[in-house]
């Protein structure tokens, strides 16, 4: 698989440029995000007293890593809860019998890579979604242009509504694409 850095760089630039008003970001695939205060409070506040006054340097990052390791059970439990809940939303919204979208349930991780039979390049779909504030990653950046990347592990609240909006926009796009591909073009006289 060839990594197309230039395409990914362009996508990231658009994401953070303010060109798109982002309502829901499905691009995150690193698992549940944490506010610093939430992470620091996992051990009863001991780390907060020690870390909040440190300058942001490598040692303070090392201390955060140490805290994450100490609190790994709580971090893992949250990641598991968020990802299981959101994966159930995806399974309900894109059931196996749906012939407009295909995807494989991941055995681990926080990302699915759906594809849409008949669509060979998802970048136009991703551009449309981005313009509507729904971010997914076009997988042409990674050599599989018929797929998109949908992260489901980072959003604790509102994932169901965001996924419904994503499904609706995908449905509209696919309907328009299929109508466009079946239109007859009159032959020149």
Foldseek 3Di string as FASTA:
>chain_A
DDAQVVVVVVVVCCVPVPVFQADAEQADFPFADDDPVVLCPLVPNPVVVVQVPDDPDPVSVVSSVVSCVVNVVVRVVLLVVQQVVQVVLVCVLDPPPDQQKDWDDDPDTFKIKIFGPPDQACVVVQVVCRNVNYHWAQCVSVVRRRIIIGGRGHDRPDSNVSVVVSSVSSVVVVVVVVVVVPDDDDDDD
